[in-house]
Amino acid sequence: MVATDVSRSHMSETPMMHATTILVDASQIINKDRNATYGHVVQDYEKVRTIFHALTGIQLDLHQCLLFMASVKLARIRTNLERDILHKDSLTDLIGYLALQAEISQPR
């Protein structure tokens, strides 16, 4: 996905269009693109969890791994808002990480 810079003034002109686009894009990523590229979220984040533990000695569960990724996106969003810009891909990724919380809670 290509990063898109959107000024706040432009976002306020058509907020529903952008919100809907972000939600649709996030759905596409987590339901189709993501699985094709990285495999099922549980298998993928088990690897993340193992690597993170090896690097830090801290054992995260899968929910915490996804929350960590969401925190990265929140930090980027905050930084960009301080510059009066907003990256659509950061919003889309954040929604995706939060939605994947439900996916990892489902029995496989």
Protein backbone atom coordinates (compact mmCIF):
# COMPACT_ATOMS: atom_id res chain seq x y z
CA MET A 1 0.00 0.00 0.00
CA VAL A 2 1.28 3.47 -0.84
CA ALA A 3 1.41 5.99 2.00
CA THR A 4 -0.99 8.86 1.52
CA ASP A 5 -0.53 12.18 3.28
CA VAL A 6 -3.81 13.88 4.08
CA SER A 7 -3.98 17.30 5.66
CA ARG A 8 -6.47 17.76 8.49
CA SER A 9 -8.40 20.35 6.53
CA HIS A 10 -8.83 17.90 3.64
CA MET A 11 -9.88 15.11 6.04
CA SER A 12 -12.60 17.33 7.53
CA GLU A 13 -14.07 18.06 4.09
CA THR A 14 -15.05 14.41 3.46
CA PRO A 15 -14.62 12.45 6.71
CA MET A 16 -17.05 9.64 5.85
CA MET A 17 -15.38 8.88 2.55
CA HIS A 18 -11.99 8.62 4.20
CA ALA A 19 -13.28 6.67 7.19
CA THR A 20 -15.06 4.19 4.96
CA THR A 21 -12.03 3.84 2.71
CA ILE A 22 -9.80 3.17 5.70
CA LEU A 23 -12.18 0.52 7.07
CA VAL A 24 -12.57 -1.18 3.69
CA ASP A 25 -8.80 -1.13 3.13
CA ALA A 26 -8.17 -2.59 6.60
CA SER A 27 -10.70 -5.34 5.94
CA GLN A 28 -9.04 -6.17 2.60
CA ILE A 29 -5.62 -6.33 4.24
CA ILE A 30 -6.56 -8.55 7.18
CA ASN A 31 -8.92 -10.83 5.27
CA LYS A 32 -7.06 -11.37 2.01
CA ASP A 33 -3.71 -9.69 1.49
CA ARG A 34 -2.32 -10.37 4.97
CA ASN A 35 -3.01 -14.10 4.99
CA ALA A 36 -1.63 -14.56 1.50
CA THR A 37 1.57 -12.71 2.40
CA TYR A 38 2.23 -13.73 6.01
CA GLY A 39 -0.03 -16.69 6.76
CA HIS A 40 -2.59 -16.94 9.52
CA VAL A 41 -2.26 -14.27 12.20
CA VAL A 42 -1.74 -16.80 15.02
CA GLN A 43 1.14 -18.53 13.24
CA ASP A 44 2.68 -15.19 12.26
CA TYR A 45 2.49 -13.64 15.72
CA GLU A 46 3.73 -16.81 17.43
CA LYS A 47 6.94 -16.13 15.52
CA VAL A 48 6.90 -12.46 16.53
CA ARG A 49 6.36 -13.48 20.14
CA THR A 50 9.27 -15.94 20.06
CA ILE A 51 11.63 -13.41 18.48
CA PHE A 52 10.58 -10.64 20.90
CA HIS A 53 11.19 -12.97 23.85
CA ALA A 54 14.62 -13.96 22.54
CA LEU A 55 15.59 -10.30 22.11
CA THR A 56 14.17 -8.90 25.35
CA GLY A 57 13.50 -11.77 27.74
CA ILE A 58 9.90 -10.50 27.96
CA GLN A 59 7.17 -13.02 27.21
CA LEU A 60 4.15 -11.44 25.48
CA ASP A 61 0.92 -13.18 24.66
CA LEU A 62 -0.58 -12.79 21.18
CA HIS A 63 -2.91 -10.00 22.26
CA GLN A 64 0.02 -8.07 23.70
CA CYS A 65 1.99 -8.55 20.47
CA LEU A 66 -0.82 -6.97 18.48
CA LEU A 67 -1.23 -4.18 21.04
CA PHE A 68 2.50 -3.48 20.74
CA MET A 69 2.13 -3.15 16.97
CA ALA A 70 -0.89 -0.87 17.49
CA SER A 71 1.21 1.28 19.85
CA VAL A 72 3.82 1.71 17.10
CA LYS A 73 1.10 2.98 14.76
CA LEU A 74 -0.33 5.28 17.47
CA ALA A 75 3.11 6.78 18.04
CA ARG A 76 3.49 7.43 14.31
CA ILE A 77 0.03 8.96 14.09
CA ARG A 78 0.81 11.24 17.04
CA THR A 79 4.12 12.33 15.50
CA ASN A 80 2.46 13.10 12.19
CA LEU A 81 -0.44 14.96 13.79
CA GLU A 82 2.13 17.16 15.51
CA ARG A 83 3.30 18.00 11.96
CA ASP A 84 -0.31 18.58 10.87
CA ILE A 85 -0.33 15.58 8.51
CA LEU A 86 -1.94 12.19 8.63
CA HIS A 87 -0.83 9.01 6.86
CA LYS A 88 -3.75 6.92 5.70
CA ASP A 89 -1.66 3.75 5.90
CA SER A 90 -0.97 4.27 9.62
CA LEU A 91 -4.69 4.57 10.32
CA THR A 92 -5.43 1.52 8.16
CA ASP A 93 -2.74 -0.56 9.85
CA LEU A 94 -3.92 0.50 13.32
CA ILE A 95 -7.48 -0.59 12.56
CA GLY A 96 -6.12 -3.88 11.21
CA TYR A 97 -4.05 -4.64 14.32
CA LEU A 98 -7.01 -3.89 16.57
CA ALA A 99 -9.37 -6.01 14.48
CA LEU A 100 -6.93 -8.93 14.53
CA GLN A 101 -7.50 -9.10 18.29
CA ALA A 102 -10.83 -10.76 17.46
CA GLU A 103 -9.20 -13.11 14.96
CA ILE A 104 -6.72 -14.52 17.47
CA SER A 105 -9.54 -15.09 19.96
CA GLN A 106 -11.37 -17.46 17.60
CA PRO A 107 -10.86 -21.22 17.86
CA ARG A 108 -8.97 -22.59 14.88
